[in-house]
Amino acid sequence: MKRMTFPLLALAALGFGLISMLAWLPKWQLTEPPSPPPASRFAHTVAAVGLIEASTENIAVGSHLAGVVERVFVAVGETVAMGDPLFQVDDRHLRAQLAQAEAAAQTAEARVSVASAALDDVTRQLGFIEGLIDSGAVSAEEVARRRSAVQIAQAKLSEAHADARTTAAHVELINTELERCVVTAPTDGQVLQVKLRAGEFAVAGATASPMILLGRSTPLHLRVDVDEHEAWRVRPDARATAHVRGNAQLSTPLDFVRFEPFVVPKRSLTGDSTERVDTRVLQVIYRIARDDLRLFVGQQMDVFIEDSTGL
């Protein structure tokens, strides 16, 4: 009996250990996704992801001139027409230059008047002298000198006119720069984003983040990234549908607009852990047919394109 005691205790300890280990193992439970994944209704499908954008494409509005922003005229969500002001850059230095240029233009116009009067004077004197030639009252040398004086006066008048045109052009140039201080909408559309405030410095040219993002939101377009390996399967006349992420029951037909014929590296990522990021994509532009869906520019949608090749 004593010989069986230790083996029995060992078996009991082993059993207790197994029971304890099984009790601490995680329990697997079958869970349902919050919403069913989208499914294609086509027999053969090319699946892709699309990014909603404005039908004018997303226009990143920049500034013609660098300077401190004096005023922002629009807010996010506002509708603007082509030519409406968006923001204004400080223009005080240009207004000072304009006053100086306008004064110079007035001086140039005065010089034109003086040169014109001088030309009239020497022209009258020449006419009087030429009337006395037959009587021999004046010499040929005096006549030649008076004619030269007329030519010189004509040249000075031409020079004065040229100076007046130059100063007028300078005034027009400064006025143009003043107009460029007010950045206006290049097209009708909606203000999608405003990343600029009064008092901030606006740089001229392209920026990493657009100061104001503008686009026409009716209708909306969908920029679909098709993997280059499946690009040959997509046809312009193929049917296509897009599903709203988070609610696959919300879907819309898509109308083909155009291909972007230049294949580019993939930039729009879905966040899927199995997604390839070292691939290139053909971008296909579709128009979203339904206008009753609550969609926003920049939103991703799951897209299914019918594959008519059947391969």
Protein backbone atom coordinates (compact mmCIF):
# COMPACT_ATOMS: atom_id res chain seq x y z
CA MET A 1 0.00 0.00 0.00
CA LYS A 2 2.84 2.34 0.80
CA ARG A 3 4.31 1.69 -2.64
CA MET A 4 1.10 2.98 -4.31
CA THR A 5 0.89 6.16 -2.24
CA PHE A 6 3.53 8.19 -4.05
CA PRO A 7 2.36 7.24 -7.60
CA LEU A 8 -1.21 8.10 -6.63
CA LEU A 9 -0.15 11.47 -5.23
CA ALA A 10 1.82 12.16 -8.41
CA LEU A 11 -1.18 11.29 -10.57
CA ALA A 12 -3.41 13.48 -8.43
CA ALA A 13 -0.98 16.41 -8.74
CA LEU A 14 -0.74 15.88 -12.49
CA GLY A 15 -4.50 15.80 -12.81
CA PHE A 16 -4.87 18.95 -10.70
CA GLY A 17 -2.29 20.68 -12.87
CA LEU A 18 -4.05 19.68 -16.08
CA ILE A 19 -7.40 20.83 -14.76
CA SER A 20 -5.91 24.16 -13.65
CA MET A 21 -4.22 24.67 -17.02
CA LEU A 22 -7.42 23.91 -18.92
CA ALA A 23 -9.34 26.28 -16.69
CA TRP A 24 -6.97 29.14 -17.54
CA LEU A 25 -7.00 28.54 -21.28
CA PRO A 26 -8.81 31.29 -23.26
CA LYS A 27 -12.28 30.40 -24.39
CA TRP A 28 -12.96 30.87 -28.08
CA GLN A 29 -16.30 32.39 -28.90
CA LEU A 30 -17.86 32.95 -32.28
CA THR A 31 -18.54 36.66 -32.76
CA GLU A 32 -20.50 38.36 -35.48
CA PRO A 33 -19.04 41.41 -37.26
CA PRO A 34 -20.83 44.70 -36.57
CA SER A 35 -21.90 44.77 -40.21
CA PRO A 36 -21.64 42.14 -42.93
CA PRO A 37 -18.85 42.67 -45.45
CA PRO A 38 -19.82 43.88 -48.91
CA ALA A 39 -20.42 41.27 -51.58
CA SER A 40 -20.27 41.54 -55.34
CA ARG A 41 -23.35 40.81 -57.40
CA PHE A 42 -21.29 40.08 -60.51
CA ALA A 43 -20.25 36.59 -61.58
CA HIS A 44 -16.66 37.74 -62.17
CA THR A 45 -15.38 40.73 -60.26
CA VAL A 46 -12.42 43.05 -59.95
CA ALA A 47 -12.38 44.31 -56.36
CA ALA A 48 -10.81 47.65 -55.53
CA VAL A 49 -10.94 50.60 -53.15
CA GLY A 50 -12.03 54.08 -54.15
CA LEU A 51 -11.56 57.52 -52.64
CA ILE A 52 -14.32 60.11 -53.00
CA GLU A 53 -13.26 63.42 -54.51
CA ALA A 54 -14.89 66.50 -56.01
CA SER A 55 -15.89 66.33 -59.66
CA THR A 56 -13.45 69.19 -60.33
CA GLU A 57 -10.83 67.17 -58.43
CA ASN A 58 -9.66 68.59 -55.12
CA ILE A 59 -8.22 72.03 -55.84
CA ALA A 60 -5.48 73.11 -53.43
CA VAL A 61 -5.70 76.90 -53.57
CA GLY A 62 -2.40 78.73 -53.12
CA SER A 63 -1.28 82.33 -52.88
CA HIS A 64 0.26 84.32 -55.74
CA LEU A 65 2.25 86.42 -53.27
CA ALA A 66 3.88 85.65 -49.96
CA GLY A 67 2.76 87.69 -46.98
CA VAL A 68 0.79 87.87 -43.75
CA VAL A 69 -2.89 86.97 -44.16
CA GLU A 70 -5.02 90.00 -43.45
CA ARG A 71 -8.45 88.43 -43.78
CA VAL A 72 -10.10 85.09 -44.57
CA PHE A 73 -13.47 85.51 -46.29
CA VAL A 74 -14.79 81.91 -46.29
CA ALA A 75 -15.45 79.05 -43.87
CA VAL A 76 -15.56 75.29 -44.32
CA GLY A 77 -18.71 74.11 -46.05
CA GLU A 78 -19.55 77.40 -47.76
CA THR A 79 -20.47 77.44 -51.43
CA VAL A 80 -18.53 79.90 -53.57
CA ALA A 81 -18.77 81.06 -57.16
CA MET A 82 -15.86 81.59 -59.50
CA GLY A 83 -14.19 84.90 -58.65
CA ASP A 84 -15.42 85.10 -55.06
CA PRO A 85 -12.67 86.23 -52.63
CA LEU A 86 -11.18 83.50 -50.42
CA PHE A 87 -8.48 85.35 -48.46
CA GLN A 88 -6.38 88.51 -48.64
CA VAL A 89 -2.68 89.08 -48.04
CA ASP A 90 -1.40 92.31 -46.45
CA ASP A 91 -1.00 94.85 -49.26
CA ARG A 92 0.13 98.05 -47.48
CA HIS A 93 3.58 98.05 -49.08
CA LEU A 94 1.99 97.79 -52.52
CA ARG A 95 -0.38 100.66 -51.82
CA ALA A 96 2.61 102.83 -50.86
CA GLN A 97 4.34 101.85 -54.10
CA LEU A 98 1.14 102.63 -56.01
CA ALA A 99 1.00 106.18 -54.61
CA GLN A 100 4.61 106.72 -55.62
CA ALA A 101 4.02 105.29 -59.10
CA GLU A 102 0.90 107.40 -59.64
CA ALA A 103 2.87 110.54 -58.70
CA ALA A 104 5.57 109.56 -61.19
CA ALA A 105 2.89 109.01 -63.84
CA GLN A 106 1.49 112.50 -63.24
CA THR A 107 4.99 113.96 -63.56
CA ALA A 108 5.49 112.09 -66.83
CA GLU A 109 2.18 113.40 -68.19
CA ALA A 110 3.25 116.92 -67.26
CA ARG A 111 6.50 116.43 -69.16
CA VAL A 112 4.48 115.35 -72.17
CA SER A 113 2.51 118.61 -71.97
CA VAL A 114 5.71 120.66 -71.67
CA ALA A 115 7.33 118.86 -74.61
CA SER A 116 4.19 119.27 -76.69
CA ALA A 117 4.09 123.00 -75.97
CA ALA A 118 7.78 123.36 -76.84
CA LEU A 119 7.20 121.57 -80.13
CA ASP A 120 4.29 123.87 -80.95
CA ASP A 121 6.47 126.91 -80.21
CA VAL A 122 9.41 125.90 -82.41
CA THR A 123 7.01 124.79 -85.15
CA ARG A 124 5.37 128.22 -85.22
CA GLN A 125 8.78 129.91 -85.28
CA LEU A 126 9.84 127.72 -88.18
CA GLY A 127 6.69 128.60 -90.08
CA PHE A 128 7.33 132.31 -89.51
CA ILE A 129 10.95 132.01 -90.67
CA GLU A 130 10.01 130.00 -93.75
CA GLY A 131 7.59 132.78 -94.69
CA LEU A 132 10.49 135.27 -94.74
CA ILE A 133 12.84 133.23 -96.93
CA ASP A 134 11.70 134.85 -100.18
CA SER A 135 12.36 138.36 -98.86
CA GLY A 136 15.93 137.44 -97.92
CA ALA A 137 15.39 138.63 -94.34
CA VAL A 138 16.86 135.46 -92.82
CA SER A 139 19.79 133.33 -93.77
CA ALA A 140 19.68 129.69 -94.82
CA GLU A 141 21.69 128.83 -91.71
CA GLU A 142 18.98 130.27 -89.45
CA VAL A 143 16.31 128.29 -91.29
CA ALA A 144 18.32 125.07 -90.87
CA ARG A 145 18.77 125.78 -87.16
CA ARG A 146 15.04 126.31 -86.69
CA ARG A 147 14.26 123.08 -88.53
CA SER A 148 16.71 121.22 -86.30
CA ALA A 149 15.00 122.73 -83.26
CA VAL A 150 11.67 121.29 -84.48
CA GLN A 151 13.22 117.82 -84.91
CA ILE A 152 14.74 117.99 -81.42
CA ALA A 153 11.40 119.04 -79.94
CA GLN A 154 9.67 116.14 -81.74
CA ALA A 155 12.24 113.70 -80.31
CA LYS A 156 11.77 115.09 -76.80
CA LEU A 157 8.01 114.73 -77.14
CA SER A 158 8.41 111.09 -78.23
CA GLU A 159 10.70 110.51 -75.26
CA ALA A 160 8.15 112.08 -72.92
CA HIS A 161 5.38 109.87 -74.34
CA ALA A 162 7.58 106.79 -73.81
CA ASP A 163 8.26 107.80 -70.19
CA ALA A 164 4.53 108.33 -69.67
CA ARG A 165 3.75 104.85 -71.05
CA THR A 166 6.44 103.33 -68.80
CA THR A 167 5.07 104.97 -65.67
CA ALA A 168 1.51 104.03 -66.64
CA ALA A 169 2.61 100.41 -67.12
CA HIS A 170 4.25 100.51 -63.68
CA VAL A 171 0.99 101.72 -62.16
CA GLU A 172 -0.90 98.94 -63.93
CA LEU A 173 1.64 96.38 -62.69
CA ILE A 174 1.19 97.46 -59.08
CA ASN A 175 -2.60 97.40 -59.48
CA THR A 176 -2.29 93.84 -60.78
CA GLU A 177 -0.20 92.90 -57.76
CA LEU A 178 -2.86 94.45 -55.51
CA GLU A 179 -5.52 92.34 -57.21
CA ARG A 180 -3.36 89.25 -56.69
CA CYS A 181 -3.26 89.99 -52.97
CA VAL A 182 -6.90 88.89 -52.90
CA VAL A 183 -7.01 85.18 -53.78
CA THR A 184 -10.28 84.26 -55.49
CA ALA A 185 -12.07 81.01 -56.25
CA PRO A 186 -10.92 79.54 -59.59
CA THR A 187 -14.26 77.77 -60.12
CA ASP A 188 -17.69 77.25 -58.61
CA GLY A 189 -17.58 74.81 -55.73
CA GLN A 190 -17.60 74.15 -52.02
CA VAL A 191 -14.94 75.01 -49.46
CA LEU A 192 -13.76 71.60 -48.26
CA GLN A 193 -10.97 72.67 -45.94
CA VAL A 194 -9.50 75.89 -44.53
CA LYS A 195 -6.02 75.67 -43.01
CA LEU A 196 -5.35 79.41 -42.89
CA ARG A 197 -6.11 82.07 -40.31
CA ALA A 198 -5.72 85.84 -40.19
CA GLY A 199 -2.25 86.73 -38.96
CA GLU A 200 -0.58 83.60 -40.34
CA PHE A 201 2.05 83.80 -43.06
CA ALA A 202 0.99 82.58 -46.49
CA VAL A 203 3.80 81.31 -48.67
CA ALA A 204 3.72 81.66 -52.43
CA GLY A 205 3.59 78.54 -54.57
CA ALA A 206 2.88 74.94 -53.67
CA THR A 207 2.67 73.86 -50.03
CA ALA A 208 2.68 70.44 -48.38
CA SER A 209 -0.74 71.13 -46.86
CA PRO A 210 -3.22 73.19 -48.92
CA MET A 211 -4.21 76.49 -47.35
CA ILE A 212 -7.73 76.18 -48.77
CA LEU A 213 -9.16 73.06 -50.41
CA LEU A 214 -11.92 73.69 -52.91
CA GLY A 215 -14.02 71.47 -55.14
CA ARG A 216 -17.41 70.95 -56.73
CA SER A 217 -19.25 68.40 -54.59
CA THR A 218 -22.16 67.87 -56.96
CA PRO A 219 -21.73 65.38 -58.49
CA LEU A 220 -19.11 63.45 -56.55
CA HIS A 221 -16.44 61.39 -58.26
CA LEU A 222 -14.76 58.22 -57.03
CA ARG A 223 -11.05 57.64 -57.76
CA VAL A 224 -10.63 53.86 -57.81
CA ASP A 225 -7.21 52.21 -57.46
CA VAL A 226 -7.07 49.03 -59.56
CA ASP A 227 -4.01 46.85 -59.05
CA GLU A 228 -1.80 46.91 -62.14
CA HIS A 229 -2.04 43.11 -62.35
CA GLU A 230 -5.81 43.38 -62.83
CA ALA A 231 -5.90 46.55 -64.92
CA TRP A 232 -6.30 44.57 -68.15
CA ARG A 233 -9.61 43.16 -66.85
CA VAL A 234 -11.29 46.56 -66.50
CA ARG A 235 -13.31 47.94 -69.42
CA PRO A 236 -14.93 51.38 -69.78
CA ASP A 237 -18.36 49.83 -70.43
CA ALA A 238 -18.18 47.44 -67.45
CA ARG A 239 -20.75 47.83 -64.70
CA ALA A 240 -19.47 48.91 -61.32
CA THR A 241 -20.89 49.42 -57.84
CA ALA A 242 -19.53 51.03 -54.68
CA HIS A 243 -20.46 50.19 -51.08
CA VAL A 244 -20.29 52.52 -48.11
CA ARG A 245 -17.79 51.36 -45.52
CA GLY A 246 -19.47 50.44 -42.25
CA ASN A 247 -22.81 49.73 -43.93
CA ALA A 248 -22.50 47.44 -46.93
CA GLN A 249 -26.24 47.70 -47.58
CA LEU A 250 -25.71 51.27 -48.76
CA SER A 251 -24.45 51.07 -52.31
CA THR A 252 -24.55 53.07 -55.51
CA PRO A 253 -24.00 52.36 -59.20
CA LEU A 254 -20.99 54.03 -60.77
CA ASP A 255 -20.78 55.73 -64.16
CA PHE A 256 -17.45 55.52 -65.94
CA VAL A 257 -15.78 58.90 -66.54
CA ARG A 258 -12.21 58.21 -67.64
CA PHE A 259 -9.00 56.31 -67.10
CA GLU A 260 -5.94 58.06 -65.69
CA PRO A 261 -3.60 56.42 -68.23
CA PHE A 262 -0.43 56.87 -66.16
CA VAL A 263 0.00 54.02 -63.66
CA VAL A 264 1.18 55.39 -60.30
CA PRO A 265 2.45 53.96 -56.99
CA LYS A 266 -0.34 53.14 -54.56
CA ARG A 267 -0.93 55.96 -52.07
CA SER A 268 -4.45 55.48 -50.73
CA LEU A 269 -4.17 52.85 -47.97
CA THR A 270 -7.15 51.02 -46.45
CA GLY A 271 -5.51 49.99 -43.16
CA ASP A 272 -5.82 46.27 -43.89
CA SER A 273 -2.90 44.35 -42.34
CA THR A 274 -2.61 42.18 -45.47
CA GLU A 275 -2.60 45.10 -47.88
CA ARG A 276 0.29 45.43 -50.29
CA VAL A 277 1.97 48.81 -50.33
CA ASP A 278 4.70 48.04 -52.89
CA THR A 279 2.35 47.91 -55.85
CA ARG A 280 1.30 50.26 -58.61
CA VAL A 281 -2.28 51.04 -59.55
CA LEU A 282 -4.34 52.20 -62.49
CA GLN A 283 -6.67 54.96 -61.37
CA VAL A 284 -10.19 54.84 -62.80
CA ILE A 285 -12.54 57.77 -62.30
CA TYR A 286 -16.25 57.07 -61.81
CA ARG A 287 -19.20 59.34 -61.13
CA ILE A 288 -21.35 58.37 -58.15
CA ALA A 289 -24.83 57.93 -59.59
CA ARG A 290 -26.83 58.32 -56.38
CA ASP A 291 -27.01 61.76 -54.82
CA ASP A 292 -29.15 60.76 -51.82
CA LEU A 293 -26.33 59.00 -49.95
CA ARG A 294 -24.57 60.83 -47.15
CA LEU A 295 -21.04 60.83 -48.57
CA PHE A 296 -18.06 63.07 -47.95
CA VAL A 297 -14.97 64.00 -49.93
CA GLY A 298 -12.01 61.90 -48.77
CA GLN A 299 -14.17 58.93 -47.74
CA GLN A 300 -13.20 55.43 -48.87
CA MET A 301 -15.61 53.01 -50.55
CA ASP A 302 -15.39 49.35 -51.50
CA VAL A 303 -15.75 48.94 -55.26
CA PHE A 304 -16.67 45.95 -57.42
CA ILE A 305 -16.15 46.15 -61.18
CA GLU A 306 -17.63 43.54 -63.49
CA ASP A 307 -15.02 41.47 -65.29
CA SER A 308 -16.45 40.78 -68.73
CA THR A 309 -13.48 38.60 -69.70
CA GLY A 310 -14.64 35.83 -67.35
CA LEU A 311 -11.04 34.88 -66.54
